[in-house]
Amino acid sequence: MVLPLAYLVYFYDLSATGLLGPDEPRYASVAREMARSGDWITPRLWGAPWFEKPALLYWLSGLGFRLGLNTELAPRLPGALLAVGFLAFYWWTLRREFGGRAAWLASLILGSSGMWVAYSQNGVADLPLAATFSAAMLLALPWVARRDTRQLPAAAAMFGLAVLAKGLVPLALAAPLLMGRQVRDWLRWRVVLPFFLVALPWYALCYWRNGWTFIHEFFVVHHFSRVTSGALMHGRPGWFYLPVLVVGLLPWTPLLGLMARRSVYRDRQRVFLAVWVLVVLVLFSLSINKLPGYILPLLPAAAALMALALDEAVDARVWLAGCGALLVAFPITAQVLPAAVLNGLARAPRPEFQAVWLAAAAVALGAWLLEARGKRVAAVLAVAAGAAVGIGYLKTVATPELDRHVSARGLWREIGGRAGEVCIGNVKRDWEYGLNYYSVTPLPDCEQQPKALQVVPGPGGRAYLEPAP
């Protein structure tokens, strides 16, 4: 049953909508250029070197382009494959450390959490970072518990991949590994060497080819300035990630209540998981610039703690029924998502009641009855299956609207073979970057090179094609 659910959640309709937002088309453009040119060292955005992110995401997406995948699958399939591959590793690791039932509970919780699924469906760097960093942290669990160092070289190599996914960020997030154990175990050559063998070559080659420009742009502008400067316009209040976490864990948010029991943290591994969650939450909360996907690396640790608490709960009927009831979030999201993406959640219309909402009540009742009969894994599987169906419903209902009104793909189809007659006006960068991705050769700016047809902003945050005045 798990494999069909995984397909529905992670691979069904990956191309149903065009690339979204400003980041997805930019990263895909860089990857496509790498695949086209054969230069896998210097990232280039429309011909110019571009050092916002390291190379791992571009390599994965570039491989998709080389394999002939289409314009949506090439950048998106790697994230979906990483998400599913990590879940298999996650289950294997937790089964070894905490037992089979806890491993199944954690894998079902994480695998059907809204935020984990959402970021597996688009071609940005958050999921590759979360998967590689979390794999490294999980490989360290035997060392945390028993000072078993056999897996530390593999953990160090995964940290190297994480540094290739998003720079120095994972090294800062690895603070839980400094919890009083013998840190010198990490400084031995057999551990340090795999990290440098994985992480260093690309950084060295990129510096060799691009010099100080790479260092300044990559480290100064896109690392340290993100923490201290609001110039990137992602400033948020310090409490920003608390509601993000609550929403991101849907439909499993009620299980956070089970984590409040002190008995959950009775050994070093569980304390390690808790510190992992807190370090990610606190470090990104201190940063001036905040985006929801930044805290994705804490979800595997949070899901593991929720699963351990649930595994040991005497009676979980209320908790699991609450999770089932929250499945109503998926049909509600299907109604408001396109407008929320365009103009923000505060400006989205209020959802109207639909009969499909009642399905959540049926799942809640089923989870209650299964738990009452002592079938806890089956109860969690019922909620996870409900989440999978809800995600499938959301994709079916919302993605056509996203494609028509939010993605630049629909507008590009309207432009058709007239790209030489079109320029881009003062539209949101989502539309500019999206159109330039689909056009391959960037469309000119209307102020610098007027054309017969202009892409202009219109009501509702959309962009429209109209004749030049």
Protein backbone atom coordinates (compact mmCIF):
# COMPACT_ATOMS: atom_id res chain seq x y z
CA MET A 1 0.00 0.00 0.00
CA VAL A 2 2.90 2.36 0.73
CA LEU A 3 4.23 2.41 -2.86
CA PRO A 4 0.96 3.57 -4.51
CA LEU A 5 0.65 6.26 -1.84
CA ALA A 6 4.23 7.37 -2.49
CA TYR A 7 3.51 7.64 -6.21
CA LEU A 8 0.35 9.67 -5.60
CA VAL A 9 2.09 12.03 -3.20
CA TYR A 10 5.46 12.51 -4.89
CA PHE A 11 5.27 11.69 -8.59
CA TYR A 12 1.68 12.15 -9.74
CA ASP A 13 1.26 15.19 -12.02
CA LEU A 14 4.69 16.72 -11.42
CA SER A 15 4.33 18.58 -14.72
CA ALA A 16 0.74 19.69 -14.16
CA THR A 17 1.80 23.28 -13.62
CA GLY A 18 4.62 25.34 -15.06
CA LEU A 19 7.50 26.48 -12.91
CA LEU A 20 6.40 28.79 -10.11
CA GLY A 21 7.84 31.77 -8.28
CA PRO A 22 11.12 33.52 -9.00
CA ASP A 23 13.50 30.82 -7.75
CA GLU A 24 12.34 27.68 -9.53
CA PRO A 25 12.74 29.06 -13.09
CA ARG A 26 16.08 30.70 -12.22
CA TYR A 27 17.59 27.51 -10.82
CA ALA A 28 16.21 25.50 -13.73
CA SER A 29 17.70 28.00 -16.18
CA VAL A 30 21.13 27.63 -14.58
CA ALA A 31 20.87 23.83 -14.69
CA ARG A 32 19.75 23.83 -18.31
CA GLU A 33 22.70 26.03 -19.26
CA MET A 34 25.09 23.67 -17.47
CA ALA A 35 23.64 20.72 -19.37
CA ARG A 36 23.79 22.59 -22.68
CA SER A 37 27.29 24.02 -22.34
CA GLY A 38 28.96 21.14 -20.52
CA ASP A 39 30.42 23.62 -17.99
CA TRP A 40 29.46 22.00 -14.66
CA ILE A 41 31.59 24.37 -12.57
CA THR A 42 30.44 27.97 -13.08
CA PRO A 43 26.69 28.53 -12.65
CA ARG A 44 25.39 30.95 -15.29
CA LEU A 45 22.05 32.67 -15.40
CA TRP A 46 21.27 33.76 -18.96
CA GLY A 47 24.92 33.96 -19.84
CA ALA A 48 26.28 35.71 -16.73
CA PRO A 49 27.99 33.97 -13.77
CA TRP A 50 25.53 33.62 -10.89
CA PHE A 51 26.73 32.53 -7.45
CA GLU A 52 23.64 32.48 -5.25
CA LYS A 53 23.70 28.71 -4.63
CA PRO A 54 26.30 25.93 -4.91
CA ALA A 55 26.15 23.29 -7.59
CA LEU A 56 24.33 20.20 -6.26
CA LEU A 57 20.82 21.24 -7.32
CA TYR A 58 22.09 22.37 -10.73
CA TRP A 59 23.88 19.07 -11.28
CA LEU A 60 20.78 17.05 -10.42
CA SER A 61 18.48 19.11 -12.62
CA GLY A 62 21.12 19.33 -15.36
CA LEU A 63 21.27 15.54 -15.43
CA GLY A 64 17.50 15.57 -15.93
CA PHE A 65 17.92 17.84 -18.95
CA ARG A 66 20.69 15.63 -20.31
CA LEU A 67 18.36 12.62 -20.00
CA GLY A 68 15.77 14.39 -22.12
CA LEU A 69 13.18 15.14 -19.42
CA ASN A 70 10.76 17.95 -20.19
CA THR A 71 10.98 21.52 -18.94
CA GLU A 72 9.10 20.75 -15.72
CA LEU A 73 10.27 17.22 -14.93
CA ALA A 74 13.99 17.93 -15.28
CA PRO A 75 14.09 20.42 -12.37
CA ARG A 76 11.37 18.75 -10.26
CA LEU A 77 11.99 15.01 -10.46
CA PRO A 78 15.29 15.17 -8.50
CA GLY A 79 13.52 16.64 -5.47
CA ALA A 80 10.81 13.99 -5.55
CA LEU A 81 13.37 11.19 -5.87
CA LEU A 82 15.47 12.64 -3.05
CA ALA A 83 12.42 12.91 -0.80
CA VAL A 84 11.43 9.28 -1.35
CA GLY A 85 15.00 7.99 -1.19
CA PHE A 86 15.55 9.82 2.08
CA LEU A 87 12.35 8.34 3.53
CA ALA A 88 13.65 4.83 2.83
CA PHE A 89 16.95 5.68 4.55
CA TYR A 90 15.04 7.38 7.38
CA TRP A 91 12.98 4.24 8.03
CA TRP A 92 16.09 2.04 7.94
CA THR A 93 17.99 4.24 10.41
CA LEU A 94 15.14 4.67 12.87
CA ARG A 95 14.29 0.96 12.78
CA ARG A 96 17.86 0.15 13.81
CA GLU A 97 17.93 2.74 16.60
CA PHE A 98 14.35 2.80 17.92
CA GLY A 99 12.55 -0.27 16.60
CA GLY A 100 10.27 -1.14 13.70
CA ARG A 101 7.02 0.42 14.91
CA ALA A 102 8.57 3.79 15.72
CA ALA A 103 10.31 3.76 12.32
CA TRP A 104 7.02 3.16 10.47
CA LEU A 105 5.22 5.83 12.47
CA ALA A 106 7.95 8.41 11.84
CA SER A 107 8.20 7.62 8.13
CA LEU A 108 4.46 7.89 7.61
CA ILE A 109 4.32 11.16 9.55
CA LEU A 110 7.22 12.79 7.72
CA GLY A 111 6.27 11.38 4.33
CA SER A 112 2.77 12.87 4.46
CA SER A 113 3.59 16.17 6.20
CA GLY A 114 2.48 19.11 4.09
CA MET A 115 5.75 21.01 4.11
CA TRP A 116 7.94 17.99 3.28
CA VAL A 117 5.67 17.09 0.37
CA ALA A 118 5.37 20.66 -0.90
CA TYR A 119 9.13 21.19 -1.16
CA SER A 120 9.59 17.82 -2.86
CA GLN A 121 7.46 19.09 -5.73
CA ASN A 122 9.56 22.03 -6.88
CA GLY A 123 13.08 22.54 -8.10
CA VAL A 124 14.62 24.58 -5.29
CA ALA A 125 17.51 23.82 -2.93
CA ASP A 126 15.57 23.35 0.32
CA LEU A 127 14.78 19.64 -0.11
CA PRO A 128 18.30 18.66 -1.24
CA LEU A 129 19.70 20.46 1.82
CA ALA A 130 17.18 18.88 4.19
CA ALA A 131 17.75 15.37 2.83
CA THR A 132 21.58 15.46 2.85
CA PHE A 133 21.90 17.30 6.18
CA SER A 134 19.34 15.07 7.89
CA ALA A 135 21.01 11.93 6.54
CA ALA A 136 24.29 13.11 8.04
CA MET A 137 22.66 13.77 11.42
CA LEU A 138 20.93 10.39 11.43
CA LEU A 139 24.19 8.61 10.59
CA ALA A 140 25.62 10.20 13.74
CA LEU A 141 22.99 8.61 16.02
CA PRO A 142 25.14 5.55 16.94
CA TRP A 143 27.97 7.91 17.88
CA VAL A 144 25.61 10.02 19.99
CA ALA A 145 24.30 6.96 21.84
CA ARG A 146 27.32 4.69 22.09
CA ARG A 147 30.29 6.59 20.68
CA ASP A 148 30.23 4.16 17.77
CA THR A 149 32.36 5.93 15.15
CA ARG A 150 31.94 3.50 12.27
CA GLN A 151 29.39 5.64 10.41
CA LEU A 152 31.09 8.99 10.96
CA PRO A 153 32.94 8.94 7.60
CA ALA A 154 29.61 8.42 5.82
CA ALA A 155 28.07 11.19 7.92
CA ALA A 156 30.94 13.52 7.00
CA ALA A 157 30.46 12.74 3.30
CA MET A 158 26.76 13.60 3.64
CA PHE A 159 27.70 16.88 5.30
CA GLY A 160 29.89 17.49 2.25
CA LEU A 161 26.86 16.99 -0.01
CA ALA A 162 24.85 19.32 2.23
CA VAL A 163 27.52 22.00 1.79
CA LEU A 164 27.19 21.47 -1.97
CA ALA A 165 23.44 21.91 -1.59
CA LYS A 166 23.41 25.21 0.30
CA GLY A 167 26.83 26.41 1.33
CA LEU A 168 27.92 26.83 4.95
CA VAL A 169 24.41 26.63 6.40
CA PRO A 170 24.51 22.90 7.32
CA LEU A 171 27.75 23.35 9.27
CA ALA A 172 26.04 25.91 11.50
CA LEU A 173 23.01 23.65 11.89
CA ALA A 174 25.24 20.75 13.03
CA ALA A 175 25.67 22.31 16.50
CA PRO A 176 23.80 19.38 18.19
CA LEU A 177 26.87 17.24 17.46
CA LEU A 178 28.75 19.33 20.05
CA MET A 179 26.66 18.00 22.93
CA GLY A 180 29.55 17.13 25.21
CA ARG A 181 30.75 13.95 23.50
CA GLN A 182 34.27 13.51 22.23
CA VAL A 183 34.23 16.03 19.38
CA ARG A 184 37.76 14.98 18.44
CA ASP A 185 36.20 11.87 16.87
CA TRP A 186 35.11 14.17 14.03
CA LEU A 187 38.62 15.55 13.57
CA ARG A 188 40.26 12.26 12.62
CA TRP A 189 41.49 11.97 9.05
CA ARG A 190 39.19 9.08 8.17
CA VAL A 191 36.25 11.37 9.03
CA VAL A 192 37.53 14.73 7.81
CA LEU A 193 38.84 13.39 4.49
CA PRO A 194 35.43 12.24 3.09
CA PHE A 195 33.97 15.67 3.86
CA PHE A 196 36.68 17.52 1.95
CA LEU A 197 36.73 15.02 -0.90
CA VAL A 198 33.02 15.64 -1.46
CA ALA A 199 32.72 19.35 -0.71
CA LEU A 200 36.01 20.97 -1.64
CA PRO A 201 36.55 20.24 -5.37
CA TRP A 202 33.68 22.34 -6.68
CA TYR A 203 34.48 25.30 -4.41
CA ALA A 204 38.16 25.18 -5.37
CA LEU A 205 37.45 24.91 -9.09
CA CYS A 206 34.82 27.67 -9.00
CA TYR A 207 37.27 29.98 -7.21
CA TRP A 208 40.04 29.05 -9.65
CA ARG A 209 37.83 30.00 -12.60
CA ASN A 210 36.12 33.08 -11.16
CA GLY A 211 38.45 34.45 -8.49
CA TRP A 212 37.36 36.88 -5.78
CA THR A 213 34.03 37.57 -7.50
CA PHE A 214 32.89 34.09 -6.51
CA ILE A 215 34.01 34.53 -2.88
CA HIS A 216 32.31 37.92 -2.53
CA GLU A 217 29.04 37.01 -4.18
CA PHE A 218 28.67 33.54 -2.71
CA PHE A 219 29.89 34.04 0.85
CA VAL A 220 29.59 37.77 1.58
CA VAL A 221 26.39 38.61 -0.28
CA HIS A 222 24.45 35.34 -0.21
CA HIS A 223 25.60 33.99 3.17
CA PHE A 224 26.43 36.67 5.70
CA SER A 225 24.23 39.42 4.26
CA ARG A 226 21.19 37.13 4.49
CA VAL A 227 21.69 37.01 8.24
CA THR A 228 22.42 40.69 8.87
CA SER A 229 20.83 42.72 6.05
CA GLY A 230 17.24 43.27 4.99
CA ALA A 231 18.26 44.19 1.44
CA LEU A 232 16.96 40.87 0.10
CA MET A 233 13.42 41.84 1.20
CA HIS A 234 12.71 38.63 3.11
CA GLY A 235 12.55 40.29 6.54
CA ARG A 236 10.14 38.63 8.99
CA PRO A 237 9.49 38.89 12.75
CA GLY A 238 11.30 36.57 15.15
CA TRP A 239 8.23 34.41 15.73
CA PHE A 240 7.71 33.81 12.00
CA TYR A 241 8.68 30.13 12.04
CA LEU A 242 6.31 29.07 14.82
CA PRO A 243 3.16 29.24 12.65
CA VAL A 244 5.19 27.93 9.69
CA LEU A 245 6.05 24.82 11.73
CA VAL A 246 2.46 24.37 12.89
CA VAL A 247 1.15 24.56 9.32
CA GLY A 248 4.07 22.66 7.82
CA LEU A 249 3.42 19.58 9.95
CA LEU A 250 -0.22 19.27 8.89
CA PRO A 251 -2.08 16.99 9.34
CA TRP A 252 0.15 15.79 12.20
CA THR A 253 0.33 19.05 14.16
CA PRO A 254 -1.65 17.72 17.18
CA LEU A 255 1.16 15.25 17.89
CA LEU A 256 3.35 18.19 18.93
CA GLY A 257 1.37 18.01 22.18
CA LEU A 258 2.72 14.54 22.88
CA MET A 259 6.27 15.88 22.66
CA ALA A 260 5.71 17.98 25.79
CA ARG A 261 6.09 14.95 28.08
CA ARG A 262 9.49 14.83 29.80
CA SER A 263 9.62 11.04 29.54
CA VAL A 264 10.05 11.37 25.76
CA TYR A 265 13.60 12.71 26.29
CA ARG A 266 15.01 9.95 28.46
CA ASP A 267 18.18 9.17 26.48
CA ARG A 268 20.90 11.00 24.57
CA GLN A 269 19.51 10.23 21.12
CA ARG A 270 16.15 11.80 21.90
CA VAL A 271 17.76 14.85 23.46
CA PHE A 272 19.92 15.06 20.33
CA LEU A 273 16.79 15.08 18.15
CA ALA A 274 15.22 17.81 20.32
CA VAL A 275 18.34 19.98 20.17
CA TRP A 276 18.43 19.44 16.40
CA VAL A 277 14.90 20.87 16.16
CA LEU A 278 15.67 23.80 18.44
CA VAL A 279 18.96 24.75 16.78
CA VAL A 280 17.38 24.94 13.31
CA LEU A 281 14.41 26.89 14.66
CA VAL A 282 16.48 29.34 16.70
CA LEU A 283 19.26 29.98 14.18
CA PHE A 284 16.87 30.79 11.35
CA SER A 285 14.65 32.83 13.67
CA LEU A 286 17.67 35.03 14.52
CA SER A 287 18.32 35.71 10.84
CA ILE A 288 16.77 38.88 9.42
CA ASN A 289 15.82 37.20 6.14
CA LYS A 290 13.35 34.35 6.55
CA LEU A 291 11.63 32.08 4.04
CA PRO A 292 9.38 29.14 5.03
CA GLY A 293 11.59 26.46 3.47
CA TYR A 294 14.59 27.37 5.61
CA ILE A 295 13.33 25.24 8.54
CA LEU A 296 12.70 22.14 6.41
CA PRO A 297 15.83 20.42 7.89
CA LEU A 298 14.16 20.18 11.31
CA LEU A 299 11.16 18.17 10.07
CA PRO A 300 12.84 14.73 10.13
CA ALA A 301 13.89 15.22 13.77
CA ALA A 302 10.47 16.58 14.75
CA ALA A 303 8.70 13.67 13.03
CA ALA A 304 10.96 11.18 14.81
CA LEU A 305 10.18 12.72 18.20
CA MET A 306 6.47 12.79 17.44
CA ALA A 307 6.60 9.13 16.43
CA LEU A 308 8.51 8.11 19.57
CA ALA A 309 6.03 9.97 21.76
CA LEU A 310 3.11 8.42 19.90
CA ASP A 311 4.65 4.95 20.08
CA GLU A 312 4.78 5.18 23.88
CA ALA A 313 1.42 6.89 24.47
CA VAL A 314 -1.08 4.80 26.43
CA ASP A 315 -4.12 6.05 24.54
CA ALA A 316 -3.74 8.08 21.33
CA ARG A 317 -7.36 8.12 20.15
CA VAL A 318 -7.86 11.86 20.61
CA TRP A 319 -4.50 12.72 19.09
CA LEU A 320 -4.95 10.60 15.97
CA ALA A 321 -8.57 11.62 15.49
CA GLY A 322 -7.38 15.23 15.63
CA CYS A 323 -4.85 14.49 12.91
CA GLY A 324 -7.59 12.91 10.80
CA ALA A 325 -9.86 15.90 11.26
CA LEU A 326 -7.10 18.24 10.07
CA LEU A 327 -7.13 16.53 6.69
CA VAL A 328 -9.80 19.11 5.89
CA ALA A 329 -6.85 21.45 5.31
CA PHE A 330 -6.18 19.83 1.91
CA PRO A 331 -9.53 20.60 0.20
CA ILE A 332 -9.51 24.05 1.83
CA THR A 333 -6.01 24.68 0.46
CA ALA A 334 -7.16 23.55 -2.98
CA GLN A 335 -9.68 26.42 -2.97
CA VAL A 336 -7.42 29.22 -1.78
CA LEU A 337 -3.94 28.22 -3.03
CA PRO A 338 -3.86 29.97 -6.43
CA ALA A 339 -5.03 33.30 -5.00
CA ALA A 340 -2.74 32.93 -1.97
CA VAL A 341 0.31 32.33 -4.16
CA LEU A 342 -0.52 35.37 -6.29
CA ASN A 343 -1.41 37.90 -3.61
CA GLY A 344 -0.72 36.39 -0.19
CA LEU A 345 -2.93 34.38 2.13
CA ALA A 346 -4.46 37.48 3.74
CA ARG A 347 -5.95 38.51 0.37
CA ALA A 348 -7.18 35.08 -0.66
CA PRO A 349 -10.97 34.56 -0.67
CA ARG A 350 -12.54 32.69 2.21
CA PRO A 351 -13.12 29.01 1.41
CA GLU A 352 -16.68 27.85 0.91
CA PHE A 353 -17.95 24.64 2.48
CA GLN A 354 -17.94 21.60 0.20
CA ALA A 355 -19.13 18.07 0.87
CA VAL A 356 -15.60 16.74 0.36
CA TRP A 357 -14.67 18.31 3.70
CA LEU A 358 -16.67 15.58 5.43
CA ALA A 359 -14.15 12.97 4.28
CA ALA A 360 -11.82 14.25 7.00
CA ALA A 361 -14.40 13.38 9.65
CA ALA A 362 -14.65 9.85 8.26
CA VAL A 363 -10.87 9.40 8.46
CA ALA A 364 -10.85 10.83 11.99
CA LEU A 365 -13.49 8.30 13.05
CA GLY A 366 -11.57 5.47 11.37
CA ALA A 367 -8.35 6.45 13.15
CA TRP A 368 -10.20 6.57 16.49
CA LEU A 369 -11.68 3.09 15.99
CA LEU A 370 -8.40 1.54 14.84
CA GLU A 371 -6.54 2.99 17.81
CA ALA A 372 -9.29 1.75 20.16
CA ARG A 373 -8.66 -1.78 18.82
CA GLY A 374 -4.91 -1.52 19.43
CA LYS A 375 -3.98 -1.06 15.77
CA ARG A 376 -1.92 2.09 16.08
CA VAL A 377 0.20 1.69 12.95
CA ALA A 378 -2.98 1.03 10.95
CA ALA A 379 -4.54 4.18 12.44
CA VAL A 380 -1.51 6.27 11.42
CA LEU A 381 -1.53 4.63 7.98
CA ALA A 382 -5.21 5.57 7.60
CA VAL A 383 -4.42 9.24 8.29
CA ALA A 384 -1.38 9.10 5.97
CA ALA A 385 -3.51 7.55 3.23
CA GLY A 386 -6.07 10.29 3.77
CA ALA A 387 -3.29 12.86 3.42
CA ALA A 388 -2.12 11.19 0.19
CA VAL A 389 -5.63 11.34 -1.25
CA GLY A 390 -5.93 14.93 -0.06
CA ILE A 391 -2.67 15.82 -1.79
CA GLY A 392 -3.87 14.10 -4.96
CA TYR A 393 -7.14 16.05 -4.76
CA LEU A 394 -5.22 19.30 -4.23
CA LYS A 395 -3.07 18.59 -7.27
CA THR A 396 -6.11 17.79 -9.42
CA VAL A 397 -8.12 20.85 -8.37
CA ALA A 398 -5.50 23.54 -7.74
CA THR A 399 -2.76 22.90 -10.30
CA PRO A 400 -4.84 23.81 -13.38
CA GLU A 401 -5.60 27.16 -11.74
CA LEU A 402 -1.96 27.63 -10.78
CA ASP A 403 -0.91 26.89 -14.33
CA ARG A 404 -3.39 29.37 -15.82
CA HIS A 405 -3.02 32.22 -13.38
CA VAL A 406 0.28 31.89 -11.47
CA SER A 407 2.81 30.14 -13.72
CA ALA A 408 4.35 31.91 -16.70
CA ARG A 409 3.86 28.76 -18.79
CA GLY A 410 0.28 29.69 -19.67
CA LEU A 411 1.31 33.19 -20.73
CA TRP A 412 4.17 31.77 -22.77
CA ARG A 413 1.72 29.56 -24.64
CA GLU A 414 -0.27 32.69 -25.43
CA ILE A 415 2.85 34.34 -26.80
CA GLY A 416 3.43 31.29 -28.97
CA GLY A 417 5.75 31.89 -31.92
CA ARG A 418 5.70 35.68 -31.49
CA ALA A 419 8.56 35.96 -28.99
CA GLY A 420 10.45 38.31 -31.30
CA GLU A 421 7.57 40.80 -31.01
CA VAL A 422 7.37 40.75 -27.20
CA CYS A 423 9.08 42.72 -24.44
CA ILE A 424 8.62 42.58 -20.66
CA GLY A 425 7.29 45.57 -18.75
CA ASN A 426 7.30 46.30 -15.01
CA VAL A 427 5.90 42.94 -13.88
CA LYS A 428 6.71 40.91 -10.78
CA ARG A 429 9.97 39.00 -11.06
CA ASP A 430 8.02 35.71 -10.90
CA TRP A 431 6.65 36.45 -14.37
CA GLU A 432 9.91 37.85 -15.71
CA TYR A 433 12.01 34.86 -14.65
CA GLY A 434 9.33 32.38 -15.67
CA LEU A 435 8.94 33.84 -19.16
CA ASN A 436 12.69 33.99 -19.64
CA TYR A 437 12.95 30.33 -18.66
CA TYR A 438 10.38 29.26 -21.23
CA SER A 439 11.73 31.58 -23.92
CA VAL A 440 15.31 30.29 -23.28
CA THR A 441 16.65 33.56 -24.74
CA PRO A 442 15.53 36.31 -22.32
CA LEU A 443 12.87 38.69 -23.59
CA PRO A 444 14.00 42.33 -23.73
CA ASP A 445 12.96 45.03 -21.26
CA CYS A 446 10.29 47.30 -22.74
CA GLU A 447 12.03 50.47 -21.52
CA GLN A 448 15.25 49.55 -23.28
CA GLN A 449 13.88 47.76 -26.34
CA PRO A 450 10.16 48.39 -27.01
CA LYS A 451 8.25 45.80 -29.02
CA ALA A 452 4.83 45.55 -30.62
CA LEU A 453 3.56 43.39 -27.74
CA GLN A 454 4.20 44.04 -24.06
CA VAL A 455 3.88 41.88 -20.96
CA VAL A 456 2.32 44.21 -18.39
CA PRO A 457 1.02 43.86 -14.81
CA GLY A 458 -2.71 43.54 -14.33
CA PRO A 459 -5.29 43.03 -11.59
CA GLY A 460 -4.91 40.14 -9.18
CA GLY A 461 -1.10 40.06 -9.41
CA ARG A 462 -1.16 38.52 -12.87
CA ALA A 463 0.72 39.52 -16.01
CA TYR A 464 -0.97 40.09 -19.37
CA LEU A 465 0.05 40.37 -22.98
CA GLU A 466 -1.22 43.48 -24.76
CA PRO A 467 -0.28 45.64 -27.79
CA ALA A 468 2.16 48.46 -27.12
CA PRO A 469 0.46 51.88 -26.77
